[in-house]
Protein backbone atom coordinates (compact mmCIF):
# COMPACT_ATOMS: atom_id res chain seq x y z
CA UNK A 1 -11.04 39.62 15.69
CA UNK A 2 -12.75 37.27 13.62
CA UNK A 3 -11.79 34.24 11.62
CA UNK A 4 -11.68 36.25 8.38
CA UNK A 5 -9.48 38.85 9.81
CA UNK A 6 -6.97 36.05 10.96
CA UNK A 7 -7.05 34.36 7.40
CA UNK A 8 -6.23 37.83 5.84
CA UNK A 9 -3.40 38.56 8.12
CA UNK A 10 -2.17 34.71 7.58
CA UNK A 11 -2.44 35.06 3.76
CA UNK A 12 -0.38 38.49 3.95
CA UNK A 13 2.03 37.02 6.18
CA UNK A 14 2.51 33.93 4.08
CA UNK A 15 2.93 35.93 0.94
CA UNK A 16 5.40 38.27 2.31
CA UNK A 17 7.39 35.34 3.92
CA UNK A 18 7.51 33.67 0.21
CA UNK A 19 8.35 36.67 -1.52
CA UNK A 20 11.20 37.69 0.56
CA UNK A 21 12.48 34.40 1.23
CA UNK A 22 12.54 32.84 -1.84
CA UNK A 23 13.50 35.56 -4.49
CA UNK A 24 15.91 35.13 -7.07
CA UNK A 25 18.15 37.58 -5.16
CA UNK A 26 18.17 35.65 -2.12
CA UNK A 27 18.39 32.22 -3.51
CA UNK A 28 21.29 33.49 -5.65
CA UNK A 29 20.05 32.16 -9.23
CA UNK A 30 18.37 33.75 -12.17
CA UNK A 31 15.40 31.43 -12.83
CA UNK A 32 11.72 32.09 -11.92
CA UNK A 33 10.01 30.68 -9.05
CA UNK A 34 8.20 27.88 -11.12
CA UNK A 35 11.60 26.90 -12.75
CA UNK A 36 12.99 26.61 -9.18
CA UNK A 37 10.10 24.55 -8.09
CA UNK A 38 10.35 22.23 -11.08
CA UNK A 39 14.27 21.67 -10.30
CA UNK A 40 13.41 20.92 -7.04
CA UNK A 41 10.53 18.24 -7.83
CA UNK A 42 12.94 16.65 -10.49
CA UNK A 43 15.69 16.63 -7.74
CA UNK A 44 13.34 14.91 -5.49
CA UNK A 45 12.12 12.38 -8.09
CA UNK A 46 15.10 11.33 -9.93
CA UNK A 47 14.49 10.15 -13.51
CA UNK A 48 10.52 11.39 -13.39
CA UNK A 49 8.48 11.24 -16.08
CA UNK A 50 6.79 14.44 -17.68
CA UNK A 51 3.36 13.43 -16.12
CA UNK A 52 4.96 12.82 -12.78
CA UNK A 53 5.88 16.67 -13.11
CA UNK A 54 2.67 17.57 -14.34
CA UNK A 55 0.93 15.93 -11.27
CA UNK A 56 3.31 17.43 -8.73
CA UNK A 57 3.29 21.14 -10.18
CA UNK A 58 -0.46 20.57 -10.61
CA UNK A 59 -0.05 22.03 -14.34
CA UNK A 60 -0.91 20.76 -17.83
CA UNK A 61 1.38 18.17 -19.45
CA UNK A 62 1.92 21.09 -22.21
CA UNK A 63 2.78 23.58 -19.59
CA UNK A 64 5.40 21.13 -18.22
CA UNK A 65 6.63 20.44 -21.92
CA UNK A 66 7.18 24.15 -22.25
CA UNK A 67 8.85 24.69 -19.05
CA UNK A 68 11.02 21.74 -19.58
CA UNK A 69 11.90 23.09 -23.11
CA UNK A 70 13.10 26.18 -21.29
CA UNK A 71 15.04 24.58 -18.64
CA UNK A 72 16.70 22.23 -21.19
CA UNK A 73 17.76 25.09 -23.49
CA UNK A 74 19.40 26.41 -20.22
CA UNK A 75 21.11 23.53 -19.87
CA UNK A 76 19.65 22.58 -16.14
CA UNK A 77 17.80 19.48 -17.31
CA UNK A 78 17.68 16.77 -19.97
CA UNK A 79 15.14 14.36 -21.57
CA UNK A 80 16.21 10.70 -21.60
CA UNK A 81 14.35 8.20 -23.24
CA UNK A 82 13.24 5.23 -21.05
CA UNK A 83 15.21 1.78 -22.06
CA UNK A 84 12.28 -0.44 -21.43
CA UNK A 85 9.65 1.78 -23.41
CA UNK A 86 10.85 4.27 -25.73
CA UNK A 87 7.44 6.17 -25.42
CA UNK A 88 8.37 7.29 -22.02
CA UNK A 89 10.48 10.36 -21.59
CA UNK A 90 12.30 10.85 -18.51
CA UNK A 91 13.69 14.19 -16.97
CA UNK A 92 16.91 14.58 -15.26
CA UNK A 93 19.11 17.24 -13.74
CA UNK A 94 22.20 18.02 -15.71
CA UNK A 95 25.16 18.89 -13.50
CA UNK A 96 24.44 22.51 -14.22
CA UNK A 97 20.99 21.79 -12.94
CA UNK A 98 22.29 19.99 -9.74
CA UNK A 99 24.71 22.70 -9.10
CA UNK A 100 21.72 25.01 -9.31
CA UNK A 101 19.53 23.08 -7.02
CA UNK A 102 22.45 22.82 -4.47
CA UNK A 103 22.93 26.65 -4.76
CA UNK A 104 18.96 27.14 -3.95
CA UNK A 105 18.99 24.59 -0.95
CA UNK A 106 21.88 25.97 0.56
CA UNK A 107 20.99 29.70 0.04
CA UNK A 108 17.44 28.99 1.27
CA UNK A 109 18.67 27.28 4.50
CA UNK A 110 20.86 30.13 5.12
CA UNK A 111 18.05 32.46 4.72
CA UNK A 112 15.74 30.73 7.03
CA UNK A 113 18.63 30.46 9.59
CA UNK A 114 18.89 34.27 9.46
CA UNK A 115 15.28 34.66 9.92
CA UNK A 116 14.97 32.14 12.97
CA UNK A 117 17.90 33.80 14.68
CA UNK A 118 15.64 36.76 15.22
CA UNK A 119 13.01 34.52 16.65
CA UNK A 120 12.61 33.55 20.57
CA UNK A 121 13.22 30.10 21.24
CA UNK A 122 9.67 29.63 22.60
CA UNK A 123 8.09 31.33 19.72
CA UNK A 124 10.30 28.87 17.29
CA UNK A 125 8.79 25.93 19.11
CA UNK A 126 5.04 27.33 18.92
CA UNK A 127 5.69 28.46 15.31
CA UNK A 128 6.80 24.93 14.39
CA UNK A 129 4.01 23.14 16.20
CA UNK A 130 1.57 25.14 14.64
CA UNK A 131 2.96 24.71 10.99
CA UNK A 132 3.19 20.83 11.78
CA UNK A 133 -0.50 20.77 12.72
CA UNK A 134 -1.58 22.63 9.82
CA UNK A 135 0.55 20.29 7.57
CA UNK A 136 -0.89 17.27 8.80
CA UNK A 137 -4.36 18.69 7.87
CA UNK A 138 -3.49 19.34 4.31
């Protein structure tokens, strides 16, 4: 099997894995994947600026603004002016946003644990070693 065949198989497996493991149904929330990624990023960067989100999500500031508008309308995030510089707008999770993130993280962990139960211990170790090596290269 050639390198291209391995890459095709890897791409297909990664796509299926992501689609199945991180669907709205399994995560137990009614938000898009992009909205979920945004909430998780805000969770990991408390009080972040819009530019931080733009960089972290690798999208334009305009896209982030629209995304935050939708999340704010849903009551998941709020904009907060910076005390030291009113030109800076920070984004924070609301209590509803924090609850949504907690649900997503708990359900994602539960889903992954269910998948890992079906994998042999030796295969888990091989998979994790390979994934860690790939992550180091990225």
